[in-house]
Amino acid sequence: MQTVLVTGGAGFIGSHTVVELAEAGYRPVIIDNFSNSKYSVIEALQKLLRQTVTYYEQDYQDTDKLRSVIAKEQVDSIVHFAAFKSVGESVKKPLQYYSNNVSGLVELFRFLDSVSIKNFVFSSSCTVYGEPDKLPVIESSPMKPATSPYGRTKQMGEIIVEDATRVSPALRSVSLRYFNPIGAHPSALIGELPIGTPNNLVPFLTQTAAGWHKELIVHGDDYPTPDGSAIRDYIHVVDLAKAHVKAIEYLKNKKARFYNEINVGTGEGHSVLDVIHTFENVTGIQVPYKIGPRREGDLVSTYASTNNANAILDWRAEKTLDDALEDAWRWQQTLHQ
C-alpha cells in the first residue's frame, strides 16, 4: 500500500482528500500545525473511515521532523495543502503569506531531493490567471498580474514547483488549479471550519442562515455580469478531493522531471446572488443580505475549461451546486457557535 503525506491534511480540502485517498486504497498520513484547523477533524476522519488515521502535529517547514516522518512512514508521494489561503487576509498580511506560501515552499523543495518522494501534487488556484481576458479559462491562458498577495504566492508557487521539478533526479509534479471549493462530506462528519469570521461566501452564507450573523454582505452589485455580482466556478469539495487521487495515479505513469498544470472546476460559472438564491431554494430558508462595496483583490468573473482534467486525469465534476449547498447546510447544522 502506497503512503501519501498530506500537508495541511486536517484542513477543509486536505481532510476530504484524506478520505478519498483512503477509499482509493492509499495510506494517507497527515501533518498539520493546526493553525487553521481543529483536532476534532482527526476524530471525525477516523469515525468516517473506521480506521486509525496517522497524523503528526508539526509545521511542514520543520524539515528535520519532516525527514523523520517520511522515513518512518515510508512516504512515496506528497499532496501539499499547507498554505494560507484567504484573499482578503493576504492583502492585510502580505509578508505572512510570502513567508509561509513561498519561502516555505522553497525550503521544502531544497529538502525533497534528499528523500524518497516521487510524486508531488501542489494545491494551486485559479487566482494564478488574474482577471482573465476570455472565458472559460484554459491552462494556456496567460498569467496576468494577480489581484492579491495570495494570488501572487500561488503564481510564485507554481514557478517554484516547475523549476525545482525540472532539476530533480526523481520528482514528478502537477499543480492543480482549483476554482472555488464549497460543500462538505455528505456524512456531515467533516466540512469547512473557518477560524473566526469566514472570508468565503458559502460558510458565511450557511452561518447567516443559522442565525450566527445578522446578514450576509454581497461585495458589489455593479460588476459587468448579468446580475451585477461576481461570478465564480463553485466545485464540490468531494469532487475536488477525488481529483487529487487521479493526479497521483497520473503522475505514477510519468518519467522523472515531469511537470504539468491542470484546472479543476465544473466548467460553469455562478454569480454570488445565484448561489444565495439556490441555497434558499434547496433549503427553504430566506437569507438576509445587503449589497456592500467591492472587496479589494476580487475578480469580476472566472470559470474553468475542464477539458484537460477530463482527458488527462480521467476526472470530471459529478456533483451540482444544489448538492454542494445541501451538504454545506447539513454540515452547518452539526456546528455550534
C-alpha atoms as a PDB file:
ATOM      1  CA  MET A   1       0.000   0.000   0.000  1.00  0.00           C
ATOM      2  CA  GLN A   2       1.469   3.350  -1.033  1.00  0.00           C
ATOM      3  CA  THR A   3       1.716   6.080   1.586  1.00  0.00           C
ATOM      4  CA  VAL A   4       0.784   9.662   0.733  1.00  0.00           C
ATOM      5  CA  LEU A   5       1.833  12.521   3.009  1.00  0.00           C
ATOM      6  CA  VAL A   6      -0.866  15.196   3.148  1.00  0.00           C
ATOM      7  CA  THR A   7       0.472  18.511   4.433  1.00  0.00           C
ATOM      8  CA  GLY A   8      -2.339  20.578   5.922  1.00  0.00           C
ATOM      9  CA  GLY A   9      -4.379  17.380   5.956  1.00  0.00           C
ATOM     10  CA  ALA A  10      -6.693  18.489   8.763  1.00  0.00           C
ATOM     11  CA  GLY A  11      -7.908  21.453   6.703  1.00  0.00           C
ATOM     12  CA  PHE A  12     -11.004  21.712   4.533  1.00  0.00           C
ATOM     13  CA  ILE A  13      -9.733  20.313   1.234  1.00  0.00           C
ATOM     14  CA  GLY A  14      -6.993  18.276   2.893  1.00  0.00           C
ATOM     15  CA  SER A  15      -9.355  16.301   5.129  1.00  0.00           C
ATOM     16  CA  HIS A  16     -11.662  15.432   2.234  1.00  0.00           C
ATOM     17  CA  THR A  17      -8.644  14.341   0.191  1.00  0.00           C
ATOM     18  CA  VAL A  18      -7.536  12.087   3.051  1.00  0.00           C
ATOM     19  CA  VAL A  19     -10.919  10.351   2.822  1.00  0.00           C
ATOM     20  CA  GLU A  20     -10.709   9.856  -0.933  1.00  0.00           C
ATOM     21  CA  LEU A  21      -7.112   8.625  -0.760  1.00  0.00           C
ATOM     22  CA  ALA A  22      -8.022   6.053   1.886  1.00  0.00           C
ATOM     23  CA  GLU A  23     -11.066   4.897  -0.036  1.00  0.00           C
ATOM     24  CA  ALA A  24      -8.927   4.524  -3.171  1.00  0.00           C
ATOM     25  CA  GLY A  25      -6.515   2.181  -1.371  1.00  0.00           C
ATOM     26  CA  TYR A  26      -3.773   4.611  -0.385  1.00  0.00           C
ATOM     27  CA  ARG A  27      -2.498   5.146   3.158  1.00  0.00           C
ATOM     28  CA  PRO A  28      -2.731   8.860   3.960  1.00  0.00           C
ATOM     29  CA  VAL A  29      -0.502  10.370   6.652  1.00  0.00           C
ATOM     30  CA  ILE A  30      -1.306  13.887   7.847  1.00  0.00           C
ATOM     31  CA  ILE A  31       0.995  16.631   9.045  1.00  0.00           C
ATOM     32  CA  ASP A  32      -0.679  19.818  10.231  1.00  0.00           C
ATOM     33  CA  ASN A  33       0.261  22.542  12.694  1.00  0.00           C
ATOM     34  CA  PHE A  34      -3.454  23.146  13.416  1.00  0.00           C
ATOM     35  CA  SER A  35      -3.072  26.893  12.969  1.00  0.00           C
ATOM     36  CA  ASN A  36      -6.177  26.943  10.774  1.00  0.00           C
ATOM     37  CA  SER A  37      -7.800  23.600  11.613  1.00  0.00           C
ATOM     38  CA  LYS A  38      -9.063  21.668  14.629  1.00  0.00           C
ATOM     39  CA  TYR A  39      -8.102  18.413  16.351  1.00  0.00           C
ATOM     40  CA  SER A  40     -11.711  17.252  16.125  1.00  0.00           C
ATOM     41  CA  VAL A  41     -11.173  16.723  12.382  1.00  0.00           C
ATOM     42  CA  ILE A  42      -8.851  13.779  13.124  1.00  0.00           C
ATOM     43  CA  GLU A  43     -11.509  12.103  15.263  1.00  0.00           C
ATOM     44  CA  ALA A  44     -14.116  12.718  12.560  1.00  0.00           C
ATOM     45  CA  LEU A  45     -11.865  11.216   9.888  1.00  0.00           C
ATOM     46  CA  GLN A  46     -11.328   8.105  11.986  1.00  0.00           C
ATOM     47  CA  LYS A  47     -15.058   7.745  12.545  1.00  0.00           C
ATOM     48  CA  LEU A  48     -15.786   8.246   8.855  1.00  0.00           C
ATOM     49  CA  LEU A  49     -13.088   5.849   7.634  1.00  0.00           C
ATOM     50  CA  ARG A  50     -13.490   3.396  10.521  1.00  0.00           C
ATOM     51  CA  GLN A  51      -9.741   3.173  10.904  1.00  0.00           C
ATOM     52  CA  THR A  52      -6.895   4.916  12.657  1.00  0.00           C
ATOM     53  CA  VAL A  53      -5.584   7.948  10.797  1.00  0.00           C
ATOM     54  CA  THR A  54      -1.895   8.642  11.330  1.00  0.00           C
ATOM     55  CA  TYR A  55      -1.111  12.294  11.944  1.00  0.00           C
ATOM     56  CA  TYR A  56       1.717  14.461  13.207  1.00  0.00           C
ATOM     57  CA  GLU A  57       1.273  17.888  14.737  1.00  0.00           C
ATOM     58  CA  GLN A  58       4.044  19.902  13.146  1.00  0.00           C
ATOM     59  CA  ASP A  59       4.795  22.626  10.633  1.00  0.00           C
ATOM     60  CA  TYR A  60       5.689  21.466   7.142  1.00  0.00           C
ATOM     61  CA  GLN A  61       8.707  23.808   7.243  1.00  0.00           C
ATOM     62  CA  ASP A  62      10.322  21.822  10.080  1.00  0.00           C
ATOM     63  CA  THR A  63      12.390  19.667   7.719  1.00  0.00           C
ATOM     64  CA  ASP A  64      14.158  17.706  10.483  1.00  0.00           C
ATOM     65  CA  LYS A  65      10.834  16.402  11.761  1.00  0.00           C
ATOM     66  CA  LEU A  66       9.570  16.001   8.205  1.00  0.00           C
ATOM     67  CA  ARG A  67      12.547  13.808   7.316  1.00  0.00           C
ATOM     68  CA  SER A  68      11.783  11.593  10.289  1.00  0.00           C
ATOM     69  CA  VAL A  69       8.113  11.226   9.312  1.00  0.00           C
ATOM     70  CA  ILE A  70       8.913  10.418   5.671  1.00  0.00           C
ATOM     71  CA  ALA A  71      11.427   7.746   6.690  1.00  0.00           C
ATOM     72  CA  LYS A  72       9.252   6.220   9.407  1.00  0.00           C
ATOM     73  CA  GLU A  73       6.080   6.123   7.307  1.00  0.00           C
ATOM     74  CA  GLN A  74       7.854   5.229   4.026  1.00  0.00           C
ATOM     75  CA  VAL A  75       6.170   8.089   2.180  1.00  0.00           C
ATOM     76  CA  ASP A  76       6.107   7.874  -1.604  1.00  0.00           C
ATOM     77  CA  SER A  77       4.031  10.932  -2.569  1.00  0.00           C
ATOM     78  CA  ILE A  78       3.119  14.346  -1.150  1.00  0.00           C
ATOM     79  CA  VAL A  79      -0.056  16.354  -1.594  1.00  0.00           C
ATOM     80  CA  HIS A  80       0.763  19.863  -0.394  1.00  0.00           C
ATOM     81  CA  PHE A  81      -2.081  21.904   1.118  1.00  0.00           C
ATOM     82  CA  ALA A  82      -0.180  23.698   3.877  1.00  0.00           C
ATOM     83  CA  ALA A  83      -0.640  27.293   2.728  1.00  0.00           C
ATOM     84  CA  PHE A  84      -2.534  30.343   3.902  1.00  0.00           C
ATOM     85  CA  LYS A  85      -5.493  30.854   1.592  1.00  0.00           C
ATOM     86  CA  SER A  86      -7.542  33.992   2.258  1.00  0.00           C
ATOM     87  CA  VAL A  87      -7.515  36.686  -0.427  1.00  0.00           C
ATOM     88  CA  GLY A  88      -8.683  39.379   1.983  1.00  0.00           C
ATOM     89  CA  GLU A  89      -6.273  38.418   4.757  1.00  0.00           C
ATOM     90  CA  SER A  90      -3.378  38.323   2.302  1.00  0.00           C
ATOM     91  CA  VAL A  91      -4.000  41.980   1.438  1.00  0.00           C
ATOM     92  CA  LYS A  92      -3.666  42.843   5.143  1.00  0.00           C
ATOM     93  CA  LYS A  93      -0.807  40.438   5.928  1.00  0.00           C
ATOM     94  CA  PRO A  94       1.240  40.008   2.734  1.00  0.00           C
ATOM     95  CA  LEU A  95       4.561  39.158   4.389  1.00  0.00           C
ATOM     96  CA  GLN A  96       2.964  36.361   6.388  1.00  0.00           C
ATOM     97  CA  TYR A  97       1.681  34.881   3.124  1.00  0.00           C
ATOM     98  CA  TYR A  98       5.024  35.204   1.334  1.00  0.00           C
ATOM     99  CA  SER A  99       6.835  33.624   4.265  1.00  0.00           C
ATOM    100  CA  ASN A 100       4.609  30.565   4.578  1.00  0.00           C
ATOM    101  CA  ASN A 101       3.470  30.029   0.992  1.00  0.00           C
ATOM    102  CA  VAL A 102       6.638  30.963  -0.899  1.00  0.00           C
ATOM    103  CA  SER A 103       9.718  30.824   1.354  1.00  0.00           C
ATOM    104  CA  GLY A 104       8.436  27.656   2.995  1.00  0.00           C
ATOM    105  CA  LEU A 105       7.883  26.012  -0.375  1.00  0.00           C
ATOM    106  CA  VAL A 106      11.437  26.845  -1.481  1.00  0.00           C
ATOM    107  CA  GLU A 107      12.843  25.192   1.636  1.00  0.00           C
ATOM    108  CA  LEU A 108      10.587  22.178   1.130  1.00  0.00           C
ATOM    109  CA  PHE A 109      11.981  21.606  -2.362  1.00  0.00           C
ATOM    110  CA  ARG A 110      15.566  22.072  -1.148  1.00  0.00           C
ATOM    111  CA  PHE A 111      14.816  19.155   1.145  1.00  0.00           C
ATOM    112  CA  LEU A 112      12.887  16.856  -1.202  1.00  0.00           C
ATOM    113  CA  ASP A 113      15.859  15.707  -3.265  1.00  0.00           C
ATOM    114  CA  SER A 114      17.371  14.124  -0.151  1.00  0.00           C
ATOM    115  CA  VAL A 115      14.368  11.858   0.492  1.00  0.00           C
ATOM    116  CA  SER A 116      12.437   9.269  -1.468  1.00  0.00           C
ATOM    117  CA  ILE A 117       9.487  11.331  -2.701  1.00  0.00           C
ATOM    118  CA  LYS A 118       8.498  10.549  -6.281  1.00  0.00           C
ATOM    119  CA  ASN A 119       5.180  12.351  -6.775  1.00  0.00           C
ATOM    120  CA  PHE A 120       4.210  15.876  -5.707  1.00  0.00           C
ATOM    121  CA  VAL A 121       0.744  17.419  -6.080  1.00  0.00           C
ATOM    122  CA  PHE A 122       0.639  21.168  -5.493  1.00  0.00           C
ATOM    123  CA  SER A 123      -2.507  22.894  -4.300  1.00  0.00           C
ATOM    124  CA  SER A 124      -2.750  25.855  -6.653  1.00  0.00           C
ATOM    125  CA  SER A 125      -5.581  28.188  -7.567  1.00  0.00           C
ATOM    126  CA  CYS A 126      -7.374  29.848 -10.448  1.00  0.00           C
ATOM    127  CA  THR A 127      -6.109  33.129  -8.980  1.00  0.00           C
ATOM    128  CA  VAL A 128      -2.876  32.500 -10.919  1.00  0.00           C
ATOM    129  CA  TYR A 129      -4.676  33.737 -14.049  1.00  0.00           C
ATOM    130  CA  GLY A 130      -5.545  37.144 -12.628  1.00  0.00           C
ATOM    131  CA  GLU A 131      -8.521  38.752 -14.377  1.00  0.00           C
ATOM    132  CA  PRO A 132      -8.993  36.553 -17.465  1.00  0.00           C
ATOM    133  CA  ASP A 133      -9.493  38.042 -20.925  1.00  0.00           C
ATOM    134  CA  LYS A 134     -11.556  35.096 -22.152  1.00  0.00           C
ATOM    135  CA  LEU A 135     -13.848  32.541 -20.555  1.00  0.00           C
ATOM    136  CA  PRO A 136     -13.710  29.697 -19.865  1.00  0.00           C
ATOM    137  CA  VAL A 137     -10.138  29.859 -18.605  1.00  0.00           C
ATOM    138  CA  ILE A 138      -7.761  27.347 -20.192  1.00  0.00           C
ATOM    139  CA  GLU A 139      -4.388  26.263 -18.820  1.00  0.00           C
ATOM    140  CA  SER A 140      -2.544  28.142 -21.562  1.00  0.00           C
ATOM    141  CA  SER A 141      -4.241  31.419 -20.618  1.00  0.00           C
ATOM    142  CA  PRO A 142      -1.559  33.944 -19.673  1.00  0.00           C
ATOM    143  CA  MET A 143      -0.704  34.596 -16.055  1.00  0.00           C
ATOM    144  CA  LYS A 144      -1.785  38.204 -15.732  1.00  0.00           C
ATOM    145  CA  PRO A 145      -0.879  40.265 -12.667  1.00  0.00           C
ATOM    146  CA  ALA A 146      -2.557  38.691  -9.648  1.00  0.00           C
ATOM    147  CA  THR A 147      -5.085  40.829  -7.799  1.00  0.00           C
ATOM    148  CA  SER A 148      -3.891  39.876  -4.305  1.00  0.00           C
ATOM    149  CA  PRO A 149      -0.756  38.741  -2.450  1.00  0.00           C
ATOM    150  CA  TYR A 150      -2.431  35.322  -2.085  1.00  0.00           C
ATOM    151  CA  GLY A 151      -2.711  35.059  -5.876  1.00  0.00           C
ATOM    152  CA  ARG A 152       0.929  36.102  -6.257  1.00  0.00           C
ATOM    153  CA  THR A 153       2.032  33.376  -3.831  1.00  0.00           C
ATOM    154  CA  LYS A 154       0.244  30.792  -5.971  1.00  0.00           C
ATOM    155  CA  GLN A 155       1.850  32.136  -9.142  1.00  0.00           C
ATOM    156  CA  MET A 156       5.266  32.010  -7.484  1.00  0.00           C
ATOM    157  CA  GLY A 157       4.474  28.598  -6.028  1.00  0.00           C
ATOM    158  CA  GLU A 158       3.802  27.093  -9.444  1.00  0.00           C
ATOM    159  CA  ILE A 159       7.055  28.524 -10.803  1.00  0.00           C
ATOM    160  CA  ILE A 160       8.971  27.068  -7.852  1.00  0.00           C
ATOM    161  CA  VAL A 161       7.370  23.637  -8.290  1.00  0.00           C
ATOM    162  CA  GLU A 162       8.050  23.599 -12.028  1.00  0.00           C
ATOM    163  CA  ASP A 163      11.652  24.788 -11.828  1.00  0.00           C
ATOM    164  CA  ALA A 164      12.532  22.538  -8.890  1.00  0.00           C
ATOM    165  CA  THR A 165      10.981  19.519 -10.602  1.00  0.00           C
ATOM    166  CA  ARG A 166      12.947  20.149 -13.814  1.00  0.00           C
ATOM    167  CA  VAL A 167      16.254  19.730 -11.951  1.00  0.00           C
ATOM    168  CA  SER A 168      15.189  16.960  -9.573  1.00  0.00           C
ATOM    169  CA  PRO A 169      16.622  13.492 -10.220  1.00  0.00           C
ATOM    170  CA  ALA A 170      13.345  11.682  -9.492  1.00  0.00           C
ATOM    171  CA  LEU A 171      10.397  14.001  -8.984  1.00  0.00           C
ATOM    172  CA  ARG A 172       7.138  14.195 -10.966  1.00  0.00           C
ATOM    173  CA  SER A 173       4.797  17.085 -10.133  1.00  0.00           C
ATOM    174  CA  VAL A 174       1.466  18.602 -11.034  1.00  0.00           C
ATOM    175  CA  SER A 175      -0.207  21.852  -9.989  1.00  0.00           C
ATOM    176  CA  LEU A 176      -3.968  21.566  -9.631  1.00  0.00           C
ATOM    177  CA  ARG A 177      -5.558  24.949 -10.234  1.00  0.00           C
ATOM    178  CA  TYR A 178      -8.700  24.915  -8.101  1.00  0.00           C
ATOM    179  CA  PHE A 179     -11.638  27.100  -8.733  1.00  0.00           C
ATOM    180  CA  ASN A 180     -13.977  27.661  -5.737  1.00  0.00           C
ATOM    181  CA  PRO A 181     -14.374  24.639  -3.434  1.00  0.00           C
ATOM    182  CA  ILE A 182     -17.596  24.509  -1.401  1.00  0.00           C
ATOM    183  CA  GLY A 183     -19.811  21.934   0.298  1.00  0.00           C
ATOM    184  CA  ALA A 184     -18.955  19.218   2.811  1.00  0.00           C
ATOM    185  CA  HIS A 185     -18.793  15.463   3.021  1.00  0.00           C
ATOM    186  CA  PRO A 186     -22.326  14.006   2.649  1.00  0.00           C
ATOM    187  CA  SER A 187     -21.877  12.276   6.022  1.00  0.00           C
ATOM    188  CA  ALA A 188     -21.700  15.727   7.673  1.00  0.00           C
ATOM    189  CA  LEU A 189     -18.714  14.470   9.681  1.00  0.00           C
ATOM    190  CA  ILE A 190     -16.227  16.839   8.025  1.00  0.00           C
ATOM    191  CA  GLY A 191     -16.640  20.193   6.313  1.00  0.00           C
ATOM    192  CA  GLU A 192     -15.288  23.720   6.240  1.00  0.00           C
ATOM    193  CA  LEU A 193     -14.213  25.035   9.658  1.00  0.00           C
ATOM    194  CA  PRO A 194     -13.114  28.649   9.206  1.00  0.00           C
ATOM    195  CA  ILE A 195     -11.376  30.156  12.216  1.00  0.00           C
ATOM    196  CA  GLY A 196     -13.258  33.335  13.169  1.00  0.00           C
ATOM    197  CA  THR A 197     -15.438  35.145  10.655  1.00  0.00           C
ATOM    198  CA  PRO A 198     -15.389  33.327   7.287  1.00  0.00           C
ATOM    199  CA  ASN A 199     -13.793  35.039   4.314  1.00  0.00           C
ATOM    200  CA  ASN A 200     -15.508  32.748   1.798  1.00  0.00           C
ATOM    201  CA  LEU A 201     -19.089  33.045   0.589  1.00  0.00           C
ATOM    202  CA  VAL A 202     -20.651  29.677   1.427  1.00  0.00           C
ATOM    203  CA  PRO A 203     -19.605  29.279   5.084  1.00  0.00           C
ATOM    204  CA  PHE A 204     -20.728  32.860   5.755  1.00  0.00           C
ATOM    205  CA  LEU A 205     -23.962  32.094   3.921  1.00  0.00           C
ATOM    206  CA  THR A 206     -24.694  28.973   5.976  1.00  0.00           C
ATOM    207  CA  GLN A 207     -23.735  30.710   9.215  1.00  0.00           C
ATOM    208  CA  THR A 208     -26.094  33.559   8.382  1.00  0.00           C
ATOM    209  CA  ALA A 209     -28.893  31.092   7.633  1.00  0.00           C
ATOM    210  CA  ALA A 210     -28.203  29.518  11.037  1.00  0.00           C
ATOM    211  CA  GLY A 211     -28.508  32.900  12.752  1.00  0.00           C
ATOM    212  CA  TRP A 212     -24.839  33.363  13.556  1.00  0.00           C
ATOM    213  CA  HIS A 213     -24.693  36.653  11.632  1.00  0.00           C
ATOM    214  CA  LYS A 214     -27.280  39.370  11.202  1.00  0.00           C
ATOM    215  CA  GLU A 215     -26.898  39.430   7.436  1.00  0.00           C
ATOM    216  CA  LEU A 216     -24.656  38.482   4.546  1.00  0.00           C
ATOM    217  CA  ILE A 217     -22.851  41.204   2.616  1.00  0.00           C
ATOM    218  CA  VAL A 218     -22.672  40.804  -1.151  1.00  0.00           C
ATOM    219  CA  HIS A 219     -19.430  42.524  -2.126  1.00  0.00           C
ATOM    220  CA  GLY A 220     -20.539  44.552  -5.129  1.00  0.00           C
ATOM    221  CA  ASP A 221     -23.558  44.524  -7.434  1.00  0.00           C
ATOM    222  CA  ASP A 222     -22.058  46.722 -10.147  1.00  0.00           C
ATOM    223  CA  TYR A 223     -19.809  44.193 -11.869  1.00  0.00           C
ATOM    224  CA  PRO A 224     -20.319  43.724 -15.639  1.00  0.00           C
ATOM    225  CA  THR A 225     -22.235  40.454 -15.100  1.00  0.00           C
ATOM    226  CA  PRO A 226     -25.925  39.577 -15.688  1.00  0.00           C
ATOM    227  CA  ASP A 227     -26.978  40.384 -12.112  1.00  0.00           C
ATOM    228  CA  GLY A 228     -24.079  42.656 -11.148  1.00  0.00           C
ATOM    229  CA  SER A 229     -22.470  40.258  -8.677  1.00  0.00           C
ATOM    230  CA  ALA A 230     -19.164  38.451  -9.185  1.00  0.00           C
ATOM    231  CA  ILE A 231     -19.139  35.061 -10.933  1.00  0.00           C
ATOM    232  CA  ARG A 232     -17.171  32.012  -9.804  1.00  0.00           C
ATOM    233  CA  ASP A 233     -16.871  28.328 -10.638  1.00  0.00           C
ATOM    234  CA  TYR A 234     -18.070  26.559  -7.463  1.00  0.00           C
ATOM    235  CA  ILE A 235     -16.882  22.962  -7.181  1.00  0.00           C
ATOM    236  CA  HIS A 236     -17.987  20.424  -4.576  1.00  0.00           C
ATOM    237  CA  VAL A 237     -15.064  19.660  -2.270  1.00  0.00           C
ATOM    238  CA  VAL A 238     -15.592  15.896  -2.654  1.00  0.00           C
ATOM    239  CA  ASP A 239     -15.188  16.182  -6.426  1.00  0.00           C
ATOM    240  CA  LEU A 240     -12.071  18.288  -5.883  1.00  0.00           C
ATOM    241  CA  ALA A 241     -10.645  15.757  -3.421  1.00  0.00           C
ATOM    242  CA  LYS A 242     -11.092  12.955  -5.952  1.00  0.00           C
ATOM    243  CA  ALA A 243      -9.041  14.942  -8.467  1.00  0.00           C
ATOM    244  CA  HIS A 244      -6.006  14.606  -6.167  1.00  0.00           C
ATOM    245  CA  VAL A 245      -6.264  10.833  -6.225  1.00  0.00           C
ATOM    246  CA  LYS A 246      -6.440  10.951 -10.012  1.00  0.00           C
ATOM    247  CA  ALA A 247      -3.427  13.284 -10.057  1.00  0.00           C
ATOM    248  CA  ILE A 248      -1.267  10.816  -8.120  1.00  0.00           C
ATOM    249  CA  GLU A 249      -2.298   7.987 -10.416  1.00  0.00           C
ATOM    250  CA  TYR A 250      -1.484  10.218 -13.402  1.00  0.00           C
ATOM    251  CA  LEU A 251       1.999  11.036 -12.085  1.00  0.00           C
ATOM    252  CA  LYS A 252       2.869   7.405 -11.379  1.00  0.00           C
ATOM    253  CA  ASN A 253       2.878   6.756 -15.127  1.00  0.00           C
ATOM    254  CA  LYS A 254       5.253   9.626 -15.930  1.00  0.00           C
ATOM    255  CA  LYS A 255       9.034   9.759 -16.116  1.00  0.00           C
ATOM    256  CA  ALA A 256      11.101  11.782 -13.656  1.00  0.00           C
ATOM    257  CA  ARG A 257      11.304  15.560 -14.065  1.00  0.00           C
ATOM    258  CA  PHE A 258       7.745  15.740 -15.346  1.00  0.00           C
ATOM    259  CA  TYR A 259       5.534  18.769 -14.584  1.00  0.00           C
ATOM    260  CA  ASN A 260       2.081  19.954 -15.654  1.00  0.00           C
ATOM    261  CA  GLU A 261      -0.761  22.281 -14.620  1.00  0.00           C
ATOM    262  CA  ILE A 262      -4.433  21.287 -14.720  1.00  0.00           C
ATOM    263  CA  ASN A 263      -7.638  23.209 -13.987  1.00  0.00           C
ATOM    264  CA  VAL A 264     -10.076  21.633 -11.538  1.00  0.00           C
ATOM    265  CA  GLY A 265     -13.558  23.130 -11.714  1.00  0.00           C
ATOM    266  CA  THR A 266     -17.027  22.437 -13.046  1.00  0.00           C
ATOM    267  CA  GLY A 267     -16.768  24.493 -16.219  1.00  0.00           C
ATOM    268  CA  GLU A 268     -19.794  26.542 -15.186  1.00  0.00           C
ATOM    269  CA  GLY A 269     -20.000  29.973 -13.567  1.00  0.00           C
ATOM    270  CA  HIS A 270     -22.499  31.081 -10.907  1.00  0.00           C
ATOM    271  CA  SER A 271     -22.913  34.571  -9.504  1.00  0.00           C
ATOM    272  CA  VAL A 272     -22.928  35.356  -5.799  1.00  0.00           C
ATOM    273  CA  LEU A 273     -26.627  36.202  -5.963  1.00  0.00           C
ATOM    274  CA  ASP A 274     -27.301  32.975  -7.846  1.00  0.00           C
ATOM    275  CA  VAL A 275     -25.634  30.995  -5.051  1.00  0.00           C
ATOM    276  CA  ILE A 276     -27.742  32.766  -2.430  1.00  0.00           C
ATOM    277  CA  HIS A 277     -30.988  32.120  -4.277  1.00  0.00           C
ATOM    278  CA  THR A 278     -30.054  28.492  -4.997  1.00  0.00           C
ATOM    279  CA  PHE A 279     -29.370  27.977  -1.300  1.00  0.00           C
ATOM    280  CA  GLU A 280     -32.760  29.450  -0.465  1.00  0.00           C
ATOM    281  CA  ASN A 281     -34.441  27.129  -2.966  1.00  0.00           C
ATOM    282  CA  VAL A 282     -32.789  23.919  -1.734  1.00  0.00           C
ATOM    283  CA  THR A 283     -33.195  24.657   1.981  1.00  0.00           C
ATOM    284  CA  GLY A 284     -36.381  26.725   2.091  1.00  0.00           C
ATOM    285  CA  ILE A 285     -34.577  29.312   4.250  1.00  0.00           C
ATOM    286  CA  GLN A 286     -34.549  33.005   3.407  1.00  0.00           C
ATOM    287  CA  VAL A 287     -31.103  34.539   3.899  1.00  0.00           C
ATOM    288  CA  PRO A 288     -30.905  38.208   4.895  1.00  0.00           C
ATOM    289  CA  TYR A 289     -28.324  40.029   2.821  1.00  0.00           C
ATOM    290  CA  LYS A 290     -27.359  43.507   1.721  1.00  0.00           C
ATOM    291  CA  ILE A 291     -25.173  44.926  -1.011  1.00  0.00           C
ATOM    292  CA  GLY A 292     -21.805  46.283   0.073  1.00  0.00           C
ATOM    293  CA  PRO A 293     -18.790  47.754  -1.711  1.00  0.00           C
ATOM    294  CA  ARG A 294     -16.491  45.657  -3.846  1.00  0.00           C
ATOM    295  CA  ARG A 295     -13.751  43.859  -1.944  1.00  0.00           C
ATOM    296  CA  GLU A 296     -10.124  44.594  -2.788  1.00  0.00           C
ATOM    297  CA  GLY A 297      -8.485  41.737  -4.681  1.00  0.00           C
ATOM    298  CA  ASP A 298     -11.694  40.159  -6.018  1.00  0.00           C
ATOM    299  CA  LEU A 299     -12.056  39.194  -9.677  1.00  0.00           C
ATOM    300  CA  VAL A 300     -15.108  40.011 -11.797  1.00  0.00           C
ATOM    301  CA  SER A 301     -15.723  36.597 -13.337  1.00  0.00           C
ATOM    302  CA  THR A 302     -13.917  33.314 -13.760  1.00  0.00           C
ATOM    303  CA  TYR A 303     -14.777  29.724 -14.565  1.00  0.00           C
ATOM    304  CA  ALA A 304     -12.758  26.810 -15.872  1.00  0.00           C
ATOM    305  CA  SER A 305     -12.280  24.860 -19.004  1.00  0.00           C
ATOM    306  CA  THR A 306     -12.068  21.307 -17.658  1.00  0.00           C
ATOM    307  CA  ASN A 307     -11.096  19.606 -20.910  1.00  0.00           C
ATOM    308  CA  ASN A 308      -7.627  18.682 -19.670  1.00  0.00           C
ATOM    309  CA  ALA A 309      -8.874  17.323 -16.357  1.00  0.00           C
ATOM    310  CA  ASN A 310     -11.452  15.244 -18.225  1.00  0.00           C
ATOM    311  CA  ALA A 311      -8.976  13.880 -20.777  1.00  0.00           C
ATOM    312  CA  ILE A 312      -5.678  13.748 -18.883  1.00  0.00           C
ATOM    313  CA  LEU A 313      -6.845  12.800 -15.400  1.00  0.00           C
ATOM    314  CA  ASP A 314      -9.980  10.924 -16.472  1.00  0.00           C
ATOM    315  CA  TRP A 315     -11.803  13.112 -13.944  1.00  0.00           C
ATOM    316  CA  ARG A 316     -14.909  15.247 -14.116  1.00  0.00           C
ATOM    317  CA  ALA A 317     -17.096  17.022 -11.586  1.00  0.00           C
ATOM    318  CA  GLU A 318     -20.154  14.943 -10.748  1.00  0.00           C
ATOM    319  CA  LYS A 319     -21.911  16.977  -8.071  1.00  0.00           C
ATOM    320  CA  THR A 320     -24.118  20.024  -8.686  1.00  0.00           C
ATOM    321  CA  LEU A 321     -24.339  23.398  -6.986  1.00  0.00           C
ATOM    322  CA  ASP A 322     -27.541  22.157  -5.322  1.00  0.00           C
ATOM    323  CA  ASP A 323     -25.651  19.130  -3.958  1.00  0.00           C
ATOM    324  CA  ALA A 324     -22.856  21.298  -2.583  1.00  0.00           C
ATOM    325  CA  LEU A 325     -25.195  23.738  -0.849  1.00  0.00           C
ATOM    326  CA  GLU A 326     -27.337  20.949   0.616  1.00  0.00           C
ATOM    327  CA  ASP A 327     -24.210  19.271   2.011  1.00  0.00           C
ATOM    328  CA  ALA A 328     -22.837  22.584   3.324  1.00  0.00           C
ATOM    329  CA  TRP A 329     -26.116  23.248   5.130  1.00  0.00           C
ATOM    330  CA  ARG A 330     -26.234  19.707   6.593  1.00  0.00           C
ATOM    331  CA  TRP A 331     -22.694  20.268   7.888  1.00  0.00           C
ATOM    332  CA  GLN A 332     -23.576  23.693   9.310  1.00  0.00           C
ATOM    333  CA  GLN A 333     -26.386  22.143  11.341  1.00  0.00           C
ATOM    334  CA  THR A 334     -23.852  19.983  13.213  1.00  0.00           C
ATOM    335  CA  LEU A 335     -21.871  23.024  14.350  1.00  0.00           C
ATOM    336  CA  HIS A 336     -22.255  25.162  17.445  1.00  0.00           C
ATOM    337  CA  GLN A 337     -21.487  28.855  17.674  1.00  0.00           C
END
